[in-house]
Amino acid sequence: MWPSSFDFSVFSTSLLTSSLILLIALLVLRALVARLLRQKISSIELRRRWLVQSNNAFVLLLLLGLVFIWGEELRTLALSVVAIAVAFVVATKELILCVMGSILKTGARSFKVGDRIQIKDFRGDVIDQNLLATTILEVGPGKLTHQRTGRMTVIPNSLFVAEPVINESFTSDYILHVFTVPYPREADWPQAQKALLQSAMRHTAPYLDEVRNYMQRISLSRGLDVPSVEPRVTIQVPDAEQIHLVVRIPTKTQQRNQIEQAILSDVLIGEQALQDDTTANN
């Protein structure tokens, strides 16, 4: 369907007549020039060259004449085409952004199916991705929990154009997992720090050498410094009333939550047993 702004006078008799007159005039003039060249130029090669150049000149004159005759109508048609193109871009803006986001994340190799990612408030394991959207299985609640909630989230790829992506599965098989355990300032946090480190060492000992070799291979292939993989417990003081014990452990990507819960259970159950013994003795 033609837009309403298109002027159908392009098919008017006057314009068609003018175009026909121009064509006939140029054909007659071309025939006269060809006859004149054949009579005046005896050299076959030179005559052929002039005939070719004159033919090209007549074609150029024909095109210029048609543009001059149809100029107003062509301008109206061009404006209509531009208006349609602008309307199409505005109507499909989100789809275009989704396609651009898909190209961006593919070109940057931000993540792949199976990786755990976070973008804005969305966090989960990637289970599908296509040209328009990326599907994840939600992990939470919050940013520090590593269990699936059972909900599926479909993220439009347009988000990847303007928002940073956090890939929690950068090293694939093994990762360095970090979690925080808060303690009151007056509590026996040095003992808790020691218990956390002992538990972390016990749970990671069976595969610690394997993680160390894996990290060395990753570092060599990507040109990075080899990170230390030994479990560690560091101290942070967010305010005057609390001590945060920050635990970092190497673990298999799919077992981070299980190892974290096992370490916390060891320490907290041990503390509870110690408190019970103290209460009983008193």
C-alpha atoms as a PDB file:
ATOM      1  CA  MET A   1       0.000   0.000   0.000  1.00  0.00           C
ATOM      2  CA  TRP A   2       1.432   3.393  -1.019  1.00  0.00           C
ATOM      3  CA  PRO A   3       1.701   6.122   1.681  1.00  0.00           C
ATOM      4  CA  SER A   4      -0.862   8.883   1.501  1.00  0.00           C
ATOM      5  CA  SER A   5       1.860  11.482   0.989  1.00  0.00           C
ATOM      6  CA  PHE A   6       2.854   9.916  -2.363  1.00  0.00           C
ATOM      7  CA  ASP A   7       1.617  12.034  -5.280  1.00  0.00           C
ATOM      8  CA  PHE A   8       0.137   9.911  -8.036  1.00  0.00           C
ATOM      9  CA  SER A   9       0.625  12.803 -10.489  1.00  0.00           C
ATOM     10  CA  VAL A  10       3.828  10.959 -11.433  1.00  0.00           C
ATOM     11  CA  PHE A  11       1.583   9.116 -13.851  1.00  0.00           C
ATOM     12  CA  SER A  12       0.101  12.315 -15.322  1.00  0.00           C
ATOM     13  CA  THR A  13      -0.026  12.809 -19.062  1.00  0.00           C
ATOM     14  CA  SER A  14       2.161  15.915 -19.071  1.00  0.00           C
ATOM     15  CA  LEU A  15       5.117  14.199 -17.445  1.00  0.00           C
ATOM     16  CA  LEU A  16       4.824  11.128 -19.643  1.00  0.00           C
ATOM     17  CA  THR A  17       4.556  13.343 -22.715  1.00  0.00           C
ATOM     18  CA  SER A  18       7.627  15.367 -21.693  1.00  0.00           C
ATOM     19  CA  SER A  19       9.593  12.188 -21.120  1.00  0.00           C
ATOM     20  CA  LEU A  20       8.558  10.805 -24.496  1.00  0.00           C
ATOM     21  CA  ILE A  21       9.496  14.052 -26.275  1.00  0.00           C
ATOM     22  CA  LEU A  22      12.898  14.043 -24.579  1.00  0.00           C
ATOM     23  CA  LEU A  23      13.522  10.434 -25.609  1.00  0.00           C
ATOM     24  CA  ILE A  24      12.520  11.051 -29.239  1.00  0.00           C
ATOM     25  CA  ALA A  25      14.595  14.231 -29.435  1.00  0.00           C
ATOM     26  CA  LEU A  26      17.679  12.482 -28.111  1.00  0.00           C
ATOM     27  CA  LEU A  27      17.220   9.528 -30.466  1.00  0.00           C
ATOM     28  CA  VAL A  28      16.928  11.864 -33.466  1.00  0.00           C
ATOM     29  CA  LEU A  29      19.944  13.869 -32.314  1.00  0.00           C
ATOM     30  CA  ARG A  30      21.904  10.668 -31.785  1.00  0.00           C
ATOM     31  CA  ALA A  31      21.084   9.480 -35.310  1.00  0.00           C
ATOM     32  CA  LEU A  32      22.171  12.829 -36.778  1.00  0.00           C
ATOM     33  CA  VAL A  33      25.431  12.848 -34.858  1.00  0.00           C
ATOM     34  CA  ALA A  34      26.162   9.238 -35.876  1.00  0.00           C
ATOM     35  CA  ARG A  35      25.565  10.089 -39.534  1.00  0.00           C
ATOM     36  CA  LEU A  36      27.776  13.168 -39.252  1.00  0.00           C
ATOM     37  CA  LEU A  37      30.584  11.161 -37.681  1.00  0.00           C
ATOM     38  CA  ARG A  38      30.422   8.519 -40.401  1.00  0.00           C
ATOM     39  CA  GLN A  39      30.680  11.228 -43.082  1.00  0.00           C
ATOM     40  CA  LYS A  40      33.407  13.367 -41.537  1.00  0.00           C
ATOM     41  CA  ILE A  41      35.704  10.772 -39.895  1.00  0.00           C
ATOM     42  CA  SER A  42      37.383   8.271 -42.190  1.00  0.00           C
ATOM     43  CA  SER A  43      39.384   6.382 -39.556  1.00  0.00           C
ATOM     44  CA  ILE A  44      37.374   3.371 -38.391  1.00  0.00           C
ATOM     45  CA  GLU A  45      39.001   3.270 -34.951  1.00  0.00           C
ATOM     46  CA  LEU A  46      38.542   7.003 -34.319  1.00  0.00           C
ATOM     47  CA  ARG A  47      34.948   6.885 -35.605  1.00  0.00           C
ATOM     48  CA  ARG A  48      34.119   3.968 -33.288  1.00  0.00           C
ATOM     49  CA  ARG A  49      35.603   5.852 -30.330  1.00  0.00           C
ATOM     50  CA  TRP A  50      33.498   8.967 -31.065  1.00  0.00           C
ATOM     51  CA  LEU A  51      30.381   6.871 -31.553  1.00  0.00           C
ATOM     52  CA  VAL A  52      30.843   5.212 -28.168  1.00  0.00           C
ATOM     53  CA  GLN A  53      31.493   8.549 -26.448  1.00  0.00           C
ATOM     54  CA  SER A  54      28.479  10.154 -28.116  1.00  0.00           C
ATOM     55  CA  ASN A  55      26.235   7.250 -27.076  1.00  0.00           C
ATOM     56  CA  ASN A  56      27.400   7.634 -23.468  1.00  0.00           C
ATOM     57  CA  ALA A  57      26.783  11.363 -23.630  1.00  0.00           C
ATOM     58  CA  PHE A  58      23.222  10.842 -24.903  1.00  0.00           C
ATOM     59  CA  VAL A  59      22.489   8.332 -22.132  1.00  0.00           C
ATOM     60  CA  LEU A  60      23.745  10.850 -19.568  1.00  0.00           C
ATOM     61  CA  LEU A  61      21.601  13.583 -21.112  1.00  0.00           C
ATOM     62  CA  LEU A  62      18.578  11.275 -21.010  1.00  0.00           C
ATOM     63  CA  LEU A  63      19.092  10.529 -17.297  1.00  0.00           C
ATOM     64  CA  LEU A  64      19.596  14.202 -16.435  1.00  0.00           C
ATOM     65  CA  GLY A  65      16.510  15.148 -18.414  1.00  0.00           C
ATOM     66  CA  LEU A  66      14.361  12.518 -16.693  1.00  0.00           C
ATOM     67  CA  VAL A  67      15.602  13.652 -13.278  1.00  0.00           C
ATOM     68  CA  PHE A  68      14.751  17.253 -14.196  1.00  0.00           C
ATOM     69  CA  ILE A  69      11.266  16.269 -15.399  1.00  0.00           C
ATOM     70  CA  TRP A  70      10.452  13.907 -12.535  1.00  0.00           C
ATOM     71  CA  GLY A  71      12.416  15.733  -9.837  1.00  0.00           C
ATOM     72  CA  GLU A  72       9.492  16.858  -7.680  1.00  0.00           C
ATOM     73  CA  GLU A  73       7.833  13.471  -7.731  1.00  0.00           C
ATOM     74  CA  LEU A  74      11.117  11.678  -6.964  1.00  0.00           C
ATOM     75  CA  ARG A  75      11.668  14.032  -4.012  1.00  0.00           C
ATOM     76  CA  THR A  76       8.204  13.236  -2.654  1.00  0.00           C
ATOM     77  CA  LEU A  77       8.828   9.498  -3.060  1.00  0.00           C
ATOM     78  CA  ALA A  78      12.212   9.768  -1.324  1.00  0.00           C
ATOM     79  CA  LEU A  79      10.658  11.570   1.650  1.00  0.00           C
ATOM     80  CA  SER A  80       7.983   8.889   1.878  1.00  0.00           C
ATOM     81  CA  VAL A  81      10.608   6.113   1.850  1.00  0.00           C
ATOM     82  CA  VAL A  82      12.611   7.898   4.576  1.00  0.00           C
ATOM     83  CA  ALA A  83       9.473   8.313   6.691  1.00  0.00           C
ATOM     84  CA  ILE A  84       8.694   4.610   6.333  1.00  0.00           C
ATOM     85  CA  ALA A  85      12.278   3.688   7.289  1.00  0.00           C
ATOM     86  CA  VAL A  86      12.195   5.928  10.382  1.00  0.00           C
ATOM     87  CA  ALA A  87       8.838   4.508  11.458  1.00  0.00           C
ATOM     88  CA  PHE A  88      10.154   0.973  10.984  1.00  0.00           C
ATOM     89  CA  VAL A  89      13.252   1.673  13.108  1.00  0.00           C
ATOM     90  CA  VAL A  90      11.170   3.257  15.884  1.00  0.00           C
ATOM     91  CA  ALA A  91       8.676   0.369  15.866  1.00  0.00           C
ATOM     92  CA  THR A  92      11.410  -2.299  15.995  1.00  0.00           C
ATOM     93  CA  LYS A  93      13.845  -0.476  18.285  1.00  0.00           C
ATOM     94  CA  GLU A  94      13.784  -3.139  21.032  1.00  0.00           C
ATOM     95  CA  LEU A  95      14.204  -5.983  18.542  1.00  0.00           C
ATOM     96  CA  ILE A  96      17.176  -4.219  16.952  1.00  0.00           C
ATOM     97  CA  LEU A  97      18.736  -3.709  20.405  1.00  0.00           C
ATOM     98  CA  CYS A  98      18.205  -7.406  21.183  1.00  0.00           C
ATOM     99  CA  VAL A  99      20.012  -8.417  17.994  1.00  0.00           C
ATOM    100  CA  MET A 100      22.845  -5.965  18.760  1.00  0.00           C
ATOM    101  CA  GLY A 101      23.104  -7.358  22.306  1.00  0.00           C
ATOM    102  CA  SER A 102      23.320 -10.894  20.934  1.00  0.00           C
ATOM    103  CA  ILE A 103      26.118  -9.857  18.568  1.00  0.00           C
ATOM    104  CA  LEU A 104      27.927  -8.065  21.411  1.00  0.00           C
ATOM    105  CA  LYS A 105      27.859 -10.950  23.904  1.00  0.00           C
ATOM    106  CA  THR A 106      28.829 -13.442  21.203  1.00  0.00           C
ATOM    107  CA  GLY A 107      31.702 -11.313  19.963  1.00  0.00           C
ATOM    108  CA  ALA A 108      32.954 -10.609  23.487  1.00  0.00           C
ATOM    109  CA  ARG A 109      32.472 -14.262  24.533  1.00  0.00           C
ATOM    110  CA  SER A 110      30.893 -13.034  27.766  1.00  0.00           C
ATOM    111  CA  PHE A 111      29.504 -16.441  28.706  1.00  0.00           C
ATOM    112  CA  LYS A 112      28.270 -19.763  27.371  1.00  0.00           C
ATOM    113  CA  VAL A 113      25.477 -22.206  28.184  1.00  0.00           C
ATOM    114  CA  GLY A 114      26.073 -23.636  31.657  1.00  0.00           C
ATOM    115  CA  ASP A 115      27.807 -20.546  33.082  1.00  0.00           C
ATOM    116  CA  ARG A 116      26.437 -18.744  36.131  1.00  0.00           C
ATOM    117  CA  ILE A 117      25.971 -15.062  35.332  1.00  0.00           C
ATOM    118  CA  GLN A 118      24.587 -11.935  36.934  1.00  0.00           C
ATOM    119  CA  ILE A 119      23.254  -8.869  35.101  1.00  0.00           C
ATOM    120  CA  LYS A 120      21.489  -6.145  37.072  1.00  0.00           C
ATOM    121  CA  ASP A 121      19.266  -8.019  39.572  1.00  0.00           C
ATOM    122  CA  PHE A 122      19.111 -11.217  37.492  1.00  0.00           C
ATOM    123  CA  ARG A 123      21.380 -14.092  38.542  1.00  0.00           C
ATOM    124  CA  GLY A 124      21.376 -17.723  37.504  1.00  0.00           C
ATOM    125  CA  ASP A 125      22.683 -20.532  35.304  1.00  0.00           C
ATOM    126  CA  VAL A 126      22.408 -20.047  31.534  1.00  0.00           C
ATOM    127  CA  ILE A 127      20.340 -22.829  29.961  1.00  0.00           C
ATOM    128  CA  ASP A 128      19.500 -21.305  26.567  1.00  0.00           C
ATOM    129  CA  GLN A 129      20.353 -18.322  24.375  1.00  0.00           C
ATOM    130  CA  ASN A 130      19.221 -17.162  20.957  1.00  0.00           C
ATOM    131  CA  LEU A 131      19.178 -14.029  18.823  1.00  0.00           C
ATOM    132  CA  LEU A 132      16.620 -12.201  20.985  1.00  0.00           C
ATOM    133  CA  ALA A 133      16.826 -13.539  24.551  1.00  0.00           C
ATOM    134  CA  THR A 134      18.889 -15.476  27.101  1.00  0.00           C
ATOM    135  CA  THR A 135      17.218 -17.917  29.511  1.00  0.00           C
ATOM    136  CA  ILE A 136      18.594 -18.603  32.993  1.00  0.00           C
ATOM    137  CA  LEU A 137      17.568 -20.752  35.950  1.00  0.00           C
ATOM    138  CA  GLU A 138      17.456 -18.343  38.877  1.00  0.00           C
ATOM    139  CA  VAL A 139      19.953 -18.780  41.729  1.00  0.00           C
ATOM    140  CA  GLY A 140      19.298 -17.160  45.086  1.00  0.00           C
ATOM    141  CA  PRO A 141      17.806 -15.612  47.004  1.00  0.00           C
ATOM    142  CA  GLY A 142      20.252 -12.724  46.966  1.00  0.00           C
ATOM    143  CA  LYS A 143      23.757 -12.520  45.547  1.00  0.00           C
ATOM    144  CA  LEU A 144      25.483 -14.726  48.132  1.00  0.00           C
ATOM    145  CA  THR A 145      23.332 -17.851  47.887  1.00  0.00           C
ATOM    146  CA  HIS A 146      24.162 -20.666  45.473  1.00  0.00           C
ATOM    147  CA  GLN A 147      20.999 -22.738  45.283  1.00  0.00           C
ATOM    148  CA  ARG A 148      18.414 -22.694  42.519  1.00  0.00           C
ATOM    149  CA  THR A 149      15.037 -21.203  43.345  1.00  0.00           C
ATOM    150  CA  GLY A 150      13.177 -23.226  40.696  1.00  0.00           C
ATOM    151  CA  ARG A 151      12.231 -20.127  38.716  1.00  0.00           C
ATOM    152  CA  MET A 152      13.213 -19.437  35.112  1.00  0.00           C
ATOM    153  CA  THR A 153      14.079 -15.943  33.879  1.00  0.00           C
ATOM    154  CA  VAL A 154      14.083 -14.846  30.229  1.00  0.00           C
ATOM    155  CA  ILE A 155      16.412 -11.859  29.768  1.00  0.00           C
ATOM    156  CA  PRO A 156      16.108  -9.747  26.589  1.00  0.00           C
ATOM    157  CA  ASN A 157      19.495  -9.431  24.922  1.00  0.00           C
ATOM    158  CA  SER A 158      19.069  -5.649  24.780  1.00  0.00           C
ATOM    159  CA  LEU A 159      20.291  -5.557  28.414  1.00  0.00           C
ATOM    160  CA  PHE A 160      23.734  -6.746  27.319  1.00  0.00           C
ATOM    161  CA  VAL A 161      24.226  -3.569  25.254  1.00  0.00           C
ATOM    162  CA  ALA A 162      24.312  -1.217  28.252  1.00  0.00           C
ATOM    163  CA  GLU A 163      24.750  -3.380  31.377  1.00  0.00           C
ATOM    164  CA  PRO A 164      27.907  -5.161  32.643  1.00  0.00           C
ATOM    165  CA  VAL A 165      27.779  -8.952  32.960  1.00  0.00           C
ATOM    166  CA  ILE A 166      29.334 -10.863  35.853  1.00  0.00           C
ATOM    167  CA  ASN A 167      30.399 -14.393  34.921  1.00  0.00           C
ATOM    168  CA  GLU A 168      30.821 -16.505  38.062  1.00  0.00           C
ATOM    169  CA  SER A 169      32.005 -19.530  36.037  1.00  0.00           C
ATOM    170  CA  PHE A 170      35.002 -17.926  34.311  1.00  0.00           C
ATOM    171  CA  THR A 171      37.305 -20.853  35.077  1.00  0.00           C
ATOM    172  CA  SER A 172      34.689 -23.517  34.259  1.00  0.00           C
ATOM    173  CA  ASP A 173      35.753 -26.666  36.172  1.00  0.00           C
ATOM    174  CA  TYR A 174      37.113 -25.106  39.386  1.00  0.00           C
ATOM    175  CA  ILE A 175      36.598 -21.678  40.931  1.00  0.00           C
ATOM    176  CA  LEU A 176      37.794 -19.697  43.931  1.00  0.00           C
ATOM    177  CA  HIS A 177      34.667 -19.323  46.029  1.00  0.00           C
ATOM    178  CA  VAL A 178      34.357 -16.554  48.644  1.00  0.00           C
ATOM    179  CA  PHE A 179      31.824 -16.187  51.455  1.00  0.00           C
ATOM    180  CA  THR A 180      31.630 -14.028  54.584  1.00  0.00           C
ATOM    181  CA  VAL A 181      30.858 -14.991  58.188  1.00  0.00           C
ATOM    182  CA  PRO A 182      30.027 -12.030  60.477  1.00  0.00           C
ATOM    183  CA  TYR A 183      30.884 -12.050  64.205  1.00  0.00           C
ATOM    184  CA  PRO A 184      30.298  -9.546  67.011  1.00  0.00           C
ATOM    185  CA  ARG A 185      33.466  -7.699  68.019  1.00  0.00           C
ATOM    186  CA  GLU A 186      33.361  -9.152  71.550  1.00  0.00           C
ATOM    187  CA  ALA A 187      32.940 -12.777  70.354  1.00  0.00           C
ATOM    188  CA  ASP A 188      35.793 -15.279  70.195  1.00  0.00           C
ATOM    189  CA  TRP A 189      36.391 -14.636  66.497  1.00  0.00           C
ATOM    190  CA  PRO A 190      40.081 -15.740  66.534  1.00  0.00           C
ATOM    191  CA  GLN A 191      38.925 -19.224  67.480  1.00  0.00           C
ATOM    192  CA  ALA A 192      36.262 -19.055  64.759  1.00  0.00           C
ATOM    193  CA  GLN A 193      38.890 -17.979  62.226  1.00  0.00           C
ATOM    194  CA  LYS A 194      41.050 -20.963  63.155  1.00  0.00           C
ATOM    195  CA  ALA A 195      38.075 -23.360  62.992  1.00  0.00           C
ATOM    196  CA  LEU A 196      36.996 -22.049  59.577  1.00  0.00           C
ATOM    197  CA  LEU A 197      40.493 -22.494  58.164  1.00  0.00           C
ATOM    198  CA  GLN A 198      40.829 -26.031  59.554  1.00  0.00           C
ATOM    199  CA  SER A 199      37.449 -27.046  58.159  1.00  0.00           C
ATOM    200  CA  ALA A 200      38.228 -25.482  54.768  1.00  0.00           C
ATOM    201  CA  MET A 201      41.549 -27.314  54.585  1.00  0.00           C
ATOM    202  CA  ARG A 202      39.893 -30.630  55.451  1.00  0.00           C
ATOM    203  CA  HIS A 203      37.136 -30.330  52.858  1.00  0.00           C
ATOM    204  CA  THR A 204      39.369 -29.132  49.998  1.00  0.00           C
ATOM    205  CA  ALA A 205      42.387 -31.375  50.630  1.00  0.00           C
ATOM    206  CA  PRO A 206      41.213 -34.271  48.352  1.00  0.00           C
ATOM    207  CA  TYR A 207      41.341 -32.143  45.188  1.00  0.00           C
ATOM    208  CA  LEU A 208      43.681 -29.259  46.106  1.00  0.00           C
ATOM    209  CA  ASP A 209      46.565 -30.487  43.888  1.00  0.00           C
ATOM    210  CA  GLU A 210      44.162 -30.970  40.998  1.00  0.00           C
ATOM    211  CA  VAL A 211      42.893 -27.389  41.399  1.00  0.00           C
ATOM    212  CA  ARG A 212      46.464 -26.076  41.531  1.00  0.00           C
ATOM    213  CA  ASN A 213      47.347 -27.806  38.239  1.00  0.00           C
ATOM    214  CA  TYR A 214      44.124 -26.617  36.641  1.00  0.00           C
ATOM    215  CA  MET A 215      44.761 -22.986  37.607  1.00  0.00           C
ATOM    216  CA  GLN A 216      48.299 -23.223  36.220  1.00  0.00           C
ATOM    217  CA  ARG A 217      46.941 -24.406  32.853  1.00  0.00           C
ATOM    218  CA  ILE A 218      44.352 -21.616  32.801  1.00  0.00           C
ATOM    219  CA  SER A 219      46.981 -19.007  33.681  1.00  0.00           C
ATOM    220  CA  LEU A 220      49.346 -20.195  30.942  1.00  0.00           C
ATOM    221  CA  SER A 221      46.639 -20.296  28.281  1.00  0.00           C
ATOM    222  CA  ARG A 222      45.310 -16.810  29.136  1.00  0.00           C
ATOM    223  CA  GLY A 223      48.545 -15.103  30.103  1.00  0.00           C
ATOM    224  CA  LEU A 224      47.585 -14.492  33.744  1.00  0.00           C
ATOM    225  CA  ASP A 225      49.441 -14.804  37.022  1.00  0.00           C
ATOM    226  CA  VAL A 226      48.889 -18.122  38.755  1.00  0.00           C
ATOM    227  CA  PRO A 227      46.560 -17.487  41.712  1.00  0.00           C
ATOM    228  CA  SER A 228      47.119 -19.091  45.093  1.00  0.00           C
ATOM    229  CA  VAL A 229      44.537 -21.822  45.612  1.00  0.00           C
ATOM    230  CA  GLU A 230      45.170 -22.617  49.284  1.00  0.00           C
ATOM    231  CA  PRO A 231      42.174 -21.922  51.531  1.00  0.00           C
ATOM    232  CA  ARG A 232      42.448 -18.710  53.508  1.00  0.00           C
ATOM    233  CA  VAL A 233      40.431 -16.750  56.051  1.00  0.00           C
ATOM    234  CA  THR A 234      40.964 -12.978  56.125  1.00  0.00           C
ATOM    235  CA  ILE A 235      39.547 -10.312  58.427  1.00  0.00           C
ATOM    236  CA  GLN A 236      37.454  -7.280  57.560  1.00  0.00           C
ATOM    237  CA  VAL A 237      36.148  -4.616  59.933  1.00  0.00           C
ATOM    238  CA  PRO A 238      33.022  -3.077  58.309  1.00  0.00           C
ATOM    239  CA  ASP A 239      32.193  -1.125  61.494  1.00  0.00           C
ATOM    240  CA  ALA A 240      33.231  -0.809  65.122  1.00  0.00           C
ATOM    241  CA  GLU A 241      30.812  -3.486  66.299  1.00  0.00           C
ATOM    242  CA  GLN A 242      31.488  -6.340  63.861  1.00  0.00           C
ATOM    243  CA  ILE A 243      34.238  -8.544  62.513  1.00  0.00           C
ATOM    244  CA  HIS A 244      33.790 -10.204  59.117  1.00  0.00           C
ATOM    245  CA  LEU A 245      35.707 -13.400  58.463  1.00  0.00           C
ATOM    246  CA  VAL A 246      36.096 -13.731  54.701  1.00  0.00           C
ATOM    247  CA  VAL A 247      36.635 -17.347  53.654  1.00  0.00           C
ATOM    248  CA  ARG A 248      38.122 -18.169  50.238  1.00  0.00           C
ATOM    249  CA  ILE A 249      38.264 -21.787  49.097  1.00  0.00           C
ATOM    250  CA  PRO A 250      38.901 -23.623  45.832  1.00  0.00           C
ATOM    251  CA  THR A 251      35.962 -25.775  44.817  1.00  0.00           C
ATOM    252  CA  LYS A 252      34.284 -27.437  41.883  1.00  0.00           C
ATOM    253  CA  THR A 253      31.900 -25.085  40.131  1.00  0.00           C
ATOM    254  CA  GLN A 254      28.814 -27.166  40.898  1.00  0.00           C
ATOM    255  CA  GLN A 255      29.750 -27.844  44.535  1.00  0.00           C
ATOM    256  CA  ARG A 256      30.362 -24.343  45.898  1.00  0.00           C
ATOM    257  CA  ASN A 257      27.133 -24.308  47.921  1.00  0.00           C
ATOM    258  CA  GLN A 258      27.685 -27.784  49.379  1.00  0.00           C
ATOM    259  CA  ILE A 259      31.268 -27.012  50.482  1.00  0.00           C
ATOM    260  CA  GLU A 260      30.219 -23.667  51.982  1.00  0.00           C
ATOM    261  CA  GLN A 261      27.389 -25.266  53.954  1.00  0.00           C
ATOM    262  CA  ALA A 262      29.638 -28.091  55.155  1.00  0.00           C
ATOM    263  CA  ILE A 263      32.262 -25.649  56.472  1.00  0.00           C
ATOM    264  CA  LEU A 264      29.662 -23.463  58.176  1.00  0.00           C
ATOM    265  CA  SER A 265      28.015 -26.504  59.751  1.00  0.00           C
ATOM    266  CA  ASP A 266      31.343 -27.749  61.110  1.00  0.00           C
ATOM    267  CA  VAL A 267      32.198 -24.432  62.729  1.00  0.00           C
ATOM    268  CA  LEU A 268      28.756 -23.485  64.033  1.00  0.00           C
ATOM    269  CA  ILE A 269      28.028 -26.961  65.424  1.00  0.00           C
ATOM    270  CA  GLY A 270      31.452 -26.961  67.083  1.00  0.00           C
ATOM    271  CA  GLU A 271      30.763 -23.570  68.649  1.00  0.00           C
ATOM    272  CA  GLN A 272      27.378 -24.735  69.897  1.00  0.00           C
ATOM    273  CA  ALA A 273      28.902 -27.840  71.431  1.00  0.00           C
ATOM    274  CA  LEU A 274      31.557 -25.705  73.153  1.00  0.00           C
ATOM    275  CA  GLN A 275      28.905 -23.387  74.555  1.00  0.00           C
ATOM    276  CA  ASP A 276      26.900 -26.373  75.815  1.00  0.00           C
ATOM    277  CA  ASP A 277      29.986 -27.771  77.570  1.00  0.00           C
ATOM    278  CA  THR A 278      30.712 -24.418  79.159  1.00  0.00           C
ATOM    279  CA  THR A 279      27.132 -24.083  80.363  1.00  0.00           C
ATOM    280  CA  ALA A 280      27.166 -27.614  81.795  1.00  0.00           C
ATOM    281  CA  ASN A 281      30.427 -27.001  83.681  1.00  0.00           C
ATOM    282  CA  ASN A 282      29.073 -23.819  85.155  1.00  0.00           C
END
